[in-house]
Amino acid sequence: MRKILHLTIVCVVSIFLMGCGADAAMKKGDKFYALGEYYDAATQYRKAYSQTPSKE
């Protein structure tokens, strides 16, 4: 029973961390864009887009 609880907690935490990745990449992209580093901004935006779930 205890192993199932630990596994559930680990899964929930990992899902939350994956969701935060897109937001962090967007913020980095915005910073690069503001500095005029458009190539790095595009890379970060691409990373954020790939982590965003598709909508039907």
C-alpha atoms as a PDB file:
ATOM      1  CA  MET A   1       0.000   0.000   0.000  1.00  0.00           C
ATOM      2  CA  ARG A   2       2.801   2.351   0.862  1.00  0.00           C
ATOM      3  CA  LYS A   3       4.573   1.721  -2.438  1.00  0.00           C
ATOM      4  CA  ILE A   4       1.434   2.609  -4.364  1.00  0.00           C
ATOM      5  CA  LEU A   5       1.127   5.869  -2.447  1.00  0.00           C
ATOM      6  CA  HIS A   6       4.758   6.790  -3.171  1.00  0.00           C
ATOM      7  CA  LEU A   7       4.364   5.911  -6.830  1.00  0.00           C
ATOM      8  CA  THR A   8       1.240   8.045  -7.071  1.00  0.00           C
ATOM      9  CA  ILE A   9       2.991  11.017  -5.459  1.00  0.00           C
ATOM     10  CA  VAL A  10       5.952  10.708  -7.820  1.00  0.00           C
ATOM     11  CA  CYS A  11       3.642  10.585 -10.842  1.00  0.00           C
ATOM     12  CA  VAL A  12       1.677  13.648  -9.751  1.00  0.00           C
ATOM     13  CA  VAL A  13       4.825  15.669  -9.058  1.00  0.00           C
ATOM     14  CA  SER A  14       6.338  14.731 -12.417  1.00  0.00           C
ATOM     15  CA  ILE A  15       3.163  15.808 -14.238  1.00  0.00           C
ATOM     16  CA  PHE A  16       3.260  19.189 -12.517  1.00  0.00           C
ATOM     17  CA  LEU A  17       6.929  19.653 -13.383  1.00  0.00           C
ATOM     18  CA  MET A  18       6.307  18.848 -17.023  1.00  0.00           C
ATOM     19  CA  GLY A  19       3.553  21.447 -17.170  1.00  0.00           C
ATOM     20  CA  CYS A  20       5.829  24.129 -15.768  1.00  0.00           C
ATOM     21  CA  GLY A  21       8.390  23.533 -18.505  1.00  0.00           C
ATOM     22  CA  ALA A  22       6.343  25.257 -21.188  1.00  0.00           C
ATOM     23  CA  ASP A  23       5.853  28.356 -19.047  1.00  0.00           C
ATOM     24  CA  ALA A  24       9.543  28.569 -18.225  1.00  0.00           C
ATOM     25  CA  ALA A  25      10.508  28.209 -21.885  1.00  0.00           C
ATOM     26  CA  MET A  26       8.055  30.978 -22.839  1.00  0.00           C
ATOM     27  CA  LYS A  27       9.550  33.316 -20.247  1.00  0.00           C
ATOM     28  CA  LYS A  28      13.076  32.570 -21.475  1.00  0.00           C
ATOM     29  CA  GLY A  29      11.921  33.150 -25.041  1.00  0.00           C
ATOM     30  CA  ASP A  30      10.420  36.503 -24.073  1.00  0.00           C
ATOM     31  CA  LYS A  31      13.684  37.548 -22.414  1.00  0.00           C
ATOM     32  CA  PHE A  32      15.736  36.567 -25.448  1.00  0.00           C
ATOM     33  CA  TYR A  33      13.306  38.387 -27.734  1.00  0.00           C
ATOM     34  CA  ALA A  34      13.534  41.554 -25.637  1.00  0.00           C
ATOM     35  CA  LEU A  35      17.330  41.431 -25.913  1.00  0.00           C
ATOM     36  CA  GLY A  36      17.142  41.050 -29.687  1.00  0.00           C
ATOM     37  CA  GLU A  37      18.427  37.459 -29.665  1.00  0.00           C
ATOM     38  CA  TYR A  38      15.802  36.181 -32.055  1.00  0.00           C
ATOM     39  CA  TYR A  39      17.393  32.809 -32.844  1.00  0.00           C
ATOM     40  CA  ASP A  40      17.561  31.848 -29.155  1.00  0.00           C
ATOM     41  CA  ALA A  41      14.032  33.168 -28.630  1.00  0.00           C
ATOM     42  CA  ALA A  42      12.754  31.025 -31.497  1.00  0.00           C
ATOM     43  CA  THR A  43      14.449  27.976 -29.989  1.00  0.00           C
ATOM     44  CA  GLN A  44      12.738  28.578 -26.645  1.00  0.00           C
ATOM     45  CA  TYR A  45       9.367  29.207 -28.270  1.00  0.00           C
ATOM     46  CA  ARG A  46       9.740  25.970 -30.244  1.00  0.00           C
ATOM     47  CA  LYS A  47      10.517  24.122 -27.016  1.00  0.00           C
ATOM     48  CA  ALA A  48       7.443  25.602 -25.300  1.00  0.00           C
ATOM     49  CA  TYR A  49       5.249  24.736 -28.281  1.00  0.00           C
ATOM     50  CA  SER A  50       6.416  21.124 -28.277  1.00  0.00           C
ATOM     51  CA  GLN A  51       5.567  20.799 -24.576  1.00  0.00           C
ATOM     52  CA  THR A  52       2.074  22.227 -25.034  1.00  0.00           C
ATOM     53  CA  PRO A  53      -0.631  19.554 -25.437  1.00  0.00           C
ATOM     54  CA  SER A  54      -2.452  19.554 -28.735  1.00  0.00           C
ATOM     55  CA  LYS A  55      -6.057  20.729 -28.802  1.00  0.00           C
ATOM     56  CA  GLU A  56      -8.717  18.880 -30.677  1.00  0.00           C
END
